[in-house]
């Protein structure tokens, strides 16, 4: 009987120790989990996570752009042309009608007139779809083509790259704004606001670049010079009468003489020094001659 009681006490002691260890392990695990969650929360507030993956509609939008790029490329066309004509005013009037009919406009216009030629320097903006028609219209006009240079640049890759970067920066901006709403510490707020300001500037710059490229693609540029040569005509120079020229000569001579006198007065110390040196040199030569005779 005594041995049975000792065995029961020993069993109860073993079960009690195991229960205590289990409870201690659960408390330790719970405390460690709470500490990890707090650390992760603080880290999330200080270091913003990367942006979420683009939604399915954005990805499809990018893929559609790539597919469109294969079908319709973004081409910037510009060029230079020189046209020699016999009637400058008539050709300019026809050019005004041609530009208007193709939906274009003059970005700049200047007229140069000299004794040898008259010319119009025109910077024309024409919709890209009508650029070839506009060039053909110029070539059909009366006159001689002096030079012609047409360039085409494919900027499709630049469009895709800029649009991809723009979407990424906008996703970052959304996440930073969400973190700004949750931030409580002043340091975190200032840091996130600085990131937001930098992203907004980069987004504005990218949007401006896209608008500029779109304008260059939509409207092609042509620097057009229309020239008309003039017949050489001798134009004698108008001269004054003999009496007027004589008066001018006397006046110039008198003023020249006055200037010379004033110049001598300005250098009078040098004249005195030069005269003294010449006097000493003559005296020295005279003494040498006397010594040689003796």
Protein backbone atom coordinates (compact mmCIF):
# COMPACT_ATOMS: atom_id res chain seq x y z
CA UNK A 1 0.00 0.00 0.00
CA UNK A 2 2.78 2.42 0.83
CA UNK A 3 4.55 1.69 -2.46
CA UNK A 4 1.32 2.35 -4.38
CA UNK A 5 0.93 5.78 -2.79
CA UNK A 6 4.52 6.68 -3.62
CA UNK A 7 3.97 5.66 -7.27
CA UNK A 8 0.82 7.84 -7.53
CA UNK A 9 2.65 10.87 -6.06
CA UNK A 10 5.51 10.40 -8.53
CA UNK A 11 3.09 10.25 -11.52
CA UNK A 12 1.26 13.42 -10.41
CA UNK A 13 4.62 15.18 -10.04
CA UNK A 14 5.69 14.25 -13.56
CA UNK A 15 2.41 15.48 -15.11
CA UNK A 16 2.62 18.76 -13.19
CA UNK A 17 6.12 19.50 -14.49
CA UNK A 18 5.13 18.84 -18.09
CA UNK A 19 2.09 21.11 -17.78
CA UNK A 20 4.23 23.89 -16.34
CA UNK A 21 6.78 23.61 -19.15
CA UNK A 22 4.03 23.63 -21.75
CA UNK A 23 2.45 26.78 -20.32
CA UNK A 24 5.82 28.51 -20.13
CA UNK A 25 6.57 27.65 -23.74
CA UNK A 26 3.18 29.02 -24.83
CA UNK A 27 3.77 32.28 -22.94
CA UNK A 28 7.24 32.63 -24.44
CA UNK A 29 5.95 31.96 -27.95
CA UNK A 30 3.14 34.48 -27.54
CA UNK A 31 5.49 37.18 -26.26
CA UNK A 32 7.94 36.53 -29.11
CA UNK A 33 5.12 36.75 -31.69
CA UNK A 34 3.94 40.09 -30.26
CA UNK A 35 7.48 41.48 -30.37
CA UNK A 36 7.92 40.38 -33.99
CA UNK A 37 4.62 42.01 -35.00
CA UNK A 38 5.61 45.29 -33.33
CA UNK A 39 9.01 45.26 -35.01
CA UNK A 40 7.42 44.58 -38.40
CA UNK A 41 4.94 47.43 -37.85
CA UNK A 42 7.72 49.92 -36.99
CA UNK A 43 9.76 48.80 -39.97
CA UNK A 44 6.76 49.17 -42.27
CA UNK A 45 6.27 52.76 -41.07
CA UNK A 46 9.92 53.72 -41.60
CA UNK A 47 10.74 51.85 -44.80
CA UNK A 48 7.88 51.90 -47.35
CA UNK A 49 7.39 48.57 -49.10
CA UNK A 50 7.71 48.27 -52.87
CA UNK A 51 4.61 49.00 -54.94
CA UNK A 52 2.10 46.24 -55.51
CA UNK A 53 2.15 44.43 -58.83
CA UNK A 54 0.30 46.22 -61.58
CA UNK A 55 -3.36 45.25 -61.90
CA UNK A 56 -4.39 42.97 -64.71
CA UNK A 57 -5.89 45.88 -66.63
CA UNK A 58 -2.61 47.82 -66.46
CA UNK A 59 -0.63 44.80 -67.65
CA UNK A 60 -3.02 44.30 -70.53
CA UNK A 61 -2.74 48.01 -71.31
CA UNK A 62 1.03 47.70 -71.58
CA UNK A 63 0.73 44.59 -73.72
CA UNK A 64 -1.77 46.38 -75.95
CA UNK A 65 0.67 49.24 -76.36
CA UNK A 66 3.37 46.81 -77.43
CA UNK A 67 1.00 45.18 -79.90
CA UNK A 68 -0.03 48.57 -81.22
CA UNK A 69 3.62 49.53 -81.54
CA UNK A 70 4.14 46.61 -83.87
CA UNK A 71 1.21 47.75 -86.03
CA UNK A 72 1.52 51.54 -85.79
CA UNK A 73 4.92 52.89 -84.89
CA UNK A 74 5.60 56.32 -83.42
CA UNK A 75 7.56 58.13 -86.14
CA UNK A 76 8.89 61.70 -85.96
CA UNK A 77 9.35 63.21 -89.42
CA UNK A 78 11.11 66.46 -90.19
CA UNK A 79 13.09 67.92 -93.05
CA UNK A 80 14.53 70.86 -94.98
CA UNK A 81 13.72 72.08 -98.48
CA UNK A 82 14.89 74.93 -100.69
CA UNK A 83 12.84 76.20 -103.63
CA UNK A 84 13.97 78.70 -106.27
CA UNK A 85 11.08 80.49 -108.01
CA UNK A 86 10.50 83.30 -110.47
CA UNK A 87 7.53 84.91 -108.68
CA UNK A 88 8.01 85.01 -104.93
CA UNK A 89 4.68 86.59 -103.98
CA UNK A 90 2.64 84.18 -106.13
CA UNK A 91 4.46 81.13 -104.77
CA UNK A 92 4.00 82.31 -101.19
CA UNK A 93 0.25 82.71 -101.73
CA UNK A 94 0.02 79.16 -103.14
CA UNK A 95 2.02 77.87 -100.19
CA UNK A 96 -0.44 79.50 -97.76
CA UNK A 97 -3.32 77.67 -99.44
CA UNK A 98 -1.41 74.37 -99.45
CA UNK A 99 -0.52 74.59 -95.76
CA UNK A 100 -4.11 75.37 -94.81
CA UNK A 101 -5.52 72.56 -96.96
CA UNK A 102 -3.28 70.01 -95.23
CA UNK A 103 -4.29 71.17 -91.76
CA UNK A 104 -0.93 72.75 -90.95
CA UNK A 105 0.30 76.11 -89.73
CA UNK A 106 3.39 78.34 -89.76
CA UNK A 107 5.47 78.02 -86.61
CA UNK A 108 7.65 80.91 -87.81
CA UNK A 109 7.86 83.11 -90.92
CA UNK A 110 10.47 85.67 -91.99
CA UNK A 111 11.24 87.65 -95.16
CA UNK A 112 14.78 88.56 -96.24
CA UNK A 113 15.35 91.16 -98.97
CA UNK A 114 18.75 92.11 -100.36
CA UNK A 115 20.21 93.52 -103.60
CA UNK A 116 20.77 90.00 -104.93
CA UNK A 117 17.72 87.98 -103.81
CA UNK A 118 14.48 87.91 -101.84
CA UNK A 119 13.53 84.86 -99.77
CA UNK A 120 10.94 83.56 -97.33
CA UNK A 121 12.15 81.37 -94.47
CA UNK A 122 9.19 79.27 -93.28
CA UNK A 123 8.94 76.72 -90.48
CA UNK A 124 5.86 74.66 -91.28
CA UNK A 125 4.06 72.20 -88.94
CA UNK A 126 2.00 69.62 -90.83
CA UNK A 127 0.02 66.66 -89.43
CA UNK A 128 2.15 63.52 -89.75
CA UNK A 129 -0.45 61.75 -91.90
CA UNK A 130 -0.37 64.58 -94.48
CA UNK A 131 3.39 65.23 -94.50
CA UNK A 132 4.09 63.24 -97.68
CA UNK A 133 1.14 64.91 -99.45
CA UNK A 134 2.47 68.32 -98.44
CA UNK A 135 5.95 67.50 -99.80
CA UNK A 136 4.40 66.28 -103.06
CA UNK A 137 2.40 69.53 -103.30
CA UNK A 138 5.58 71.60 -102.96
CA UNK A 139 7.36 69.55 -105.62
CA UNK A 140 4.44 70.06 -108.01
CA UNK A 141 4.81 73.84 -107.82
CA UNK A 142 6.72 75.75 -110.47
CA UNK A 143 10.33 76.29 -109.51
CA UNK A 144 13.66 74.56 -108.99
CA UNK A 145 14.33 72.43 -105.91
CA UNK A 146 17.71 73.50 -104.57
CA UNK A 147 17.95 70.91 -101.79
CA UNK A 148 15.75 68.41 -99.99
CA UNK A 149 16.41 66.48 -96.76
CA UNK A 150 13.75 64.36 -95.02
CA UNK A 151 14.49 62.49 -91.75
CA UNK A 152 12.36 59.92 -89.92
CA UNK A 153 13.00 58.77 -86.34
CA UNK A 154 11.30 55.80 -84.69
CA UNK A 155 10.50 56.68 -81.05
CA UNK A 156 8.15 53.75 -80.32
CA UNK A 157 10.57 52.28 -77.75
CA UNK A 158 10.82 55.63 -75.99
CA UNK A 159 7.03 55.83 -75.72
CA UNK A 160 6.75 52.32 -74.24
CA UNK A 161 9.63 52.95 -71.82
CA UNK A 162 8.23 56.29 -70.62
CA UNK A 163 4.71 54.89 -70.17
CA UNK A 164 6.04 51.93 -68.18
CA UNK A 165 8.07 54.20 -65.92
CA UNK A 166 5.09 56.49 -65.49
CA UNK A 167 2.84 53.62 -64.34
CA UNK A 168 5.50 52.41 -61.89
CA UNK A 169 5.97 55.86 -60.38
CA UNK A 170 2.24 56.35 -60.01
CA UNK A 171 1.98 53.02 -58.16
CA UNK A 172 4.76 54.12 -55.82
CA UNK A 173 2.96 57.43 -55.26
CA UNK A 174 -0.24 55.62 -54.26
CA UNK A 175 1.61 53.51 -51.68
CA UNK A 176 3.45 56.50 -50.23
CA UNK A 177 0.15 58.39 -49.87
CA UNK A 178 -1.32 55.40 -48.04
CA UNK A 179 1.67 55.32 -45.68
CA UNK A 180 1.36 59.08 -45.14
CA UNK A 181 -2.18 58.62 -43.85
CA UNK A 182 -1.00 55.99 -41.33
CA UNK A 183 2.18 57.77 -40.21
CA UNK A 184 2.13 59.38 -36.76
CA UNK A 185 5.72 60.39 -36.02
CA UNK A 186 6.79 63.77 -37.38
CA UNK A 187 10.04 62.29 -38.74
CA UNK A 188 8.15 59.65 -40.71
CA UNK A 189 5.68 62.23 -42.07
CA UNK A 190 8.47 64.55 -43.28
CA UNK A 191 10.38 61.66 -44.86
CA UNK A 192 7.33 60.35 -46.71
CA UNK A 193 6.33 63.87 -47.87
CA UNK A 194 9.82 64.34 -49.33
CA UNK A 195 9.48 61.06 -51.24
CA UNK A 196 6.03 62.11 -52.48
CA UNK A 197 7.34 65.48 -53.67
CA UNK A 198 10.19 63.85 -55.60
CA UNK A 199 7.83 61.35 -57.23
CA UNK A 200 5.39 64.08 -58.25
CA UNK A 201 8.21 66.04 -59.92
CA UNK A 202 9.40 62.92 -61.78
CA UNK A 203 5.84 62.15 -62.90
CA UNK A 204 5.34 65.73 -64.19
CA UNK A 205 8.65 65.52 -66.07
CA UNK A 206 7.73 62.18 -67.64
CA UNK A 207 4.27 63.43 -68.64
CA UNK A 208 5.83 66.52 -70.22
CA UNK A 209 8.27 64.39 -72.18
CA UNK A 210 5.42 62.20 -73.43
CA UNK A 211 3.43 65.27 -74.52
CA UNK A 212 6.46 66.67 -76.37
CA UNK A 213 7.06 63.38 -78.21
CA UNK A 214 3.35 63.11 -79.04
CA UNK A 215 3.38 66.61 -80.52
CA UNK A 216 6.46 65.79 -82.59
CA UNK A 217 4.79 62.62 -83.87
CA UNK A 218 1.41 64.23 -84.56
CA UNK A 219 2.89 67.26 -86.36
CA UNK A 220 5.92 66.99 -88.64
CA UNK A 221 8.25 69.95 -89.14
CA UNK A 222 9.61 71.28 -92.44
CA UNK A 223 12.06 74.19 -92.77
CA UNK A 224 11.17 75.64 -96.18
CA UNK A 225 13.11 78.39 -97.95
CA UNK A 226 11.59 80.04 -101.04
CA UNK A 227 14.08 82.19 -102.96
CA UNK A 228 13.89 84.54 -105.94
CA UNK A 229 17.07 85.90 -107.47
CA UNK A 230 17.18 89.54 -108.59
CA UNK A 231 18.76 90.94 -111.74
CA UNK A 232 21.92 92.89 -110.97
CA UNK A 233 21.46 96.63 -111.23
CA UNK A 234 24.23 99.17 -110.79
CA UNK A 235 23.31 101.76 -108.21
CA UNK A 236 25.83 104.63 -108.16
CA UNK A 237 26.65 105.98 -104.75
CA UNK A 238 25.31 109.46 -104.12
CA UNK A 239 28.18 111.92 -103.57
CA UNK A 240 28.24 115.48 -102.33
CA UNK A 241 29.07 118.41 -104.60
CA UNK A 242 32.68 119.60 -105.11
CA UNK A 243 32.18 122.65 -102.90
CA UNK A 244 30.76 120.52 -100.09
CA UNK A 245 33.66 118.07 -100.36
CA UNK A 246 36.16 120.99 -100.35
CA UNK A 247 34.61 122.31 -97.14
CA UNK A 248 34.84 118.89 -95.55
CA UNK A 249 38.51 118.52 -96.64
CA UNK A 250 39.48 121.93 -95.17
CA UNK A 251 37.62 121.16 -91.98
CA UNK A 252 39.25 117.74 -91.62
CA UNK A 253 42.71 119.23 -92.35
CA UNK A 254 42.29 121.96 -89.74
CA UNK A 255 41.08 119.53 -87.10
CA UNK A 256 43.96 117.19 -87.97
CA UNK A 257 46.47 120.03 -87.48
CA UNK A 258 44.92 120.91 -84.10
CA UNK A 259 45.09 117.27 -83.04
CA UNK A 260 48.78 117.13 -84.02
CA UNK A 261 49.62 120.24 -81.96
CA UNK A 262 47.79 118.83 -78.97
CA UNK A 263 49.68 115.57 -79.41
CA UNK A 264 53.02 117.42 -79.28
CA UNK A 265 51.97 119.18 -76.07
CA UNK A 266 51.05 115.81 -74.60
CA UNK A 267 54.54 114.37 -75.19
CA UNK A 268 56.62 117.49 -74.37
CA UNK A 269 58.66 115.74 -71.61
CA UNK A 270 59.78 113.09 -74.09
CA UNK A 271 60.77 115.81 -76.61
CA UNK A 272 62.99 117.52 -74.00
CA UNK A 273 64.68 114.25 -73.00
CA UNK A 274 65.24 113.32 -76.66
CA UNK A 275 66.78 116.75 -77.41
CA UNK A 276 69.14 116.45 -74.42
CA UNK A 277 70.30 113.00 -75.49
CA UNK A 278 70.93 114.22 -79.06
CA UNK A 279 73.01 117.14 -77.71
CA UNK A 280 75.16 114.81 -75.57
CA UNK A 281 75.67 112.44 -78.51
CA UNK A 282 76.86 115.28 -80.78
CA UNK A 283 79.30 116.56 -78.11
CA UNK A 284 80.69 113.06 -77.68
CA UNK A 285 81.22 112.61 -81.45
CA UNK A 286 82.94 116.02 -81.62
CA UNK A 287 85.43 115.03 -78.92
CA UNK A 288 86.22 111.77 -80.71
CA UNK A 289 87.03 113.65 -83.92
CA UNK A 290 89.36 116.08 -82.06
CA UNK A 291 91.24 113.20 -80.41
CA UNK A 292 91.74 111.45 -83.73
CA UNK A 293 93.20 114.64 -85.32
CA UNK A 294 95.64 115.06 -82.46
